[in-house]
Amino acid sequence: MNAWITKHEPMPAGFFGIAVGTLALAGAWRVAAKLWEVPAAAATALTVLALIVWATVMAMYGVKWVAHREAARKEWQHEVQSSFVALGPVSTMLAAQAVKLWSHDAGLALFVLGAISQVAVGVMLHGRLWQGGRNAELVTPATYLPTVAAGFVAAATAAAFNLPELAVMFFGSGALSWLAIESKLLNRAALAAPTAPALRPTFGIQLAPPVVGGVAWMAIMGSMHISLTGAAGIVAYALLGYGLYQALLLLRLLPWIRAQAFTPSYWAFSFGVAALPTLAMLIAQHGGPLWVHELAFVLFVASTGVIGLLFVKTVALLVEGKLLPARAMQ
């Protein structure tokens, strides 16, 4: 084991994407168990697995700061890699939703920890954008993570703990940041040089804002006992529609993205892939028409298949000893 560790770099912050994707899929299965005849035991088992993955990744990142402090500092300063550090608090808040199934107090403690951390990380990283000097070639959808992903997940988690006013505040933070950042990303993509192959898997994050935001919106509606009719329903369907459009756009871009061989960075797709069916299922659960039920089921099956494939490929890298980057020879 020690020999293997000395041959490899410490865990990249991007591995938080594995925890986020697994927890998000577990959340989708919990919603499916309420909507259809999906075995509740399977949803519970997947939730337990997701919590184990989250705890393992968190522990590995903690070890990185203890045993490889210089590498952790360099990652924190990197224009792309630093954004994935924000998934630490995001995954913690998703874990809080899962832990709430067994202990409200423990879940609430995790939410408070994650919420405070995500605000701190978001302010630090978002503040860099205002200072200028950013390399356009390193501007990717990972920019969403410190503010948009964190804000929306904080909103959904606050709503889960029956804190609707706080949830709306977090939702506003995520939604307005999303609108500001997306135009910047499209401008860079359209006018600057094509994104390097190694960074292209981060485009999977592009699916997440509308559907993760939609899940947060539905959670807020539930905590405030608002029906799907009227303006609230229009927002929910609008977010689902834009999410479906982004999914089709990513399918169109997939051959271009796959110029990069499989690495754990492809887990960037997982959050949006899991949240898309979750949003459709929540709309169906709130009285959506039959076609939404049918769409939700198709998306749920596809989501499970895609994230299952990510698991298989990731385990294969682990078995081959290629999961972590090889340490450069001195």
Foldseek 3Di string as FASTA:
>chain_A
DVVLPVFFDQDFLLLLLLLLLLLLLLVLLCLCVVQDVRDPVVSLVSLVVSVVSLVVVVVSVVVCCVPVVVVVVVLCVDLQSVLSNLSNLLSLLSNLLSCCVPPVVVSVVSLVVSLVVLVVSLCVNVVVVVVDPDDLLRDFLSNLRSWQSSLLSNLLSCLSNLNLVVSVVSLVRNVVVCVVVVVVRVVSCVPHDHHDLVCLLLNLLVLQRLLSSLSSLLSSCVSVVHALDDPSVVSLVVSLVVSVVSVVVCVVCVVVNCVPPDASSNSSNSNSLSSNLSSLSSCVVRPDDPVSVVVSVVSSVVSCVVSVVSVVVLVVCVVVSNRGHTDDDD
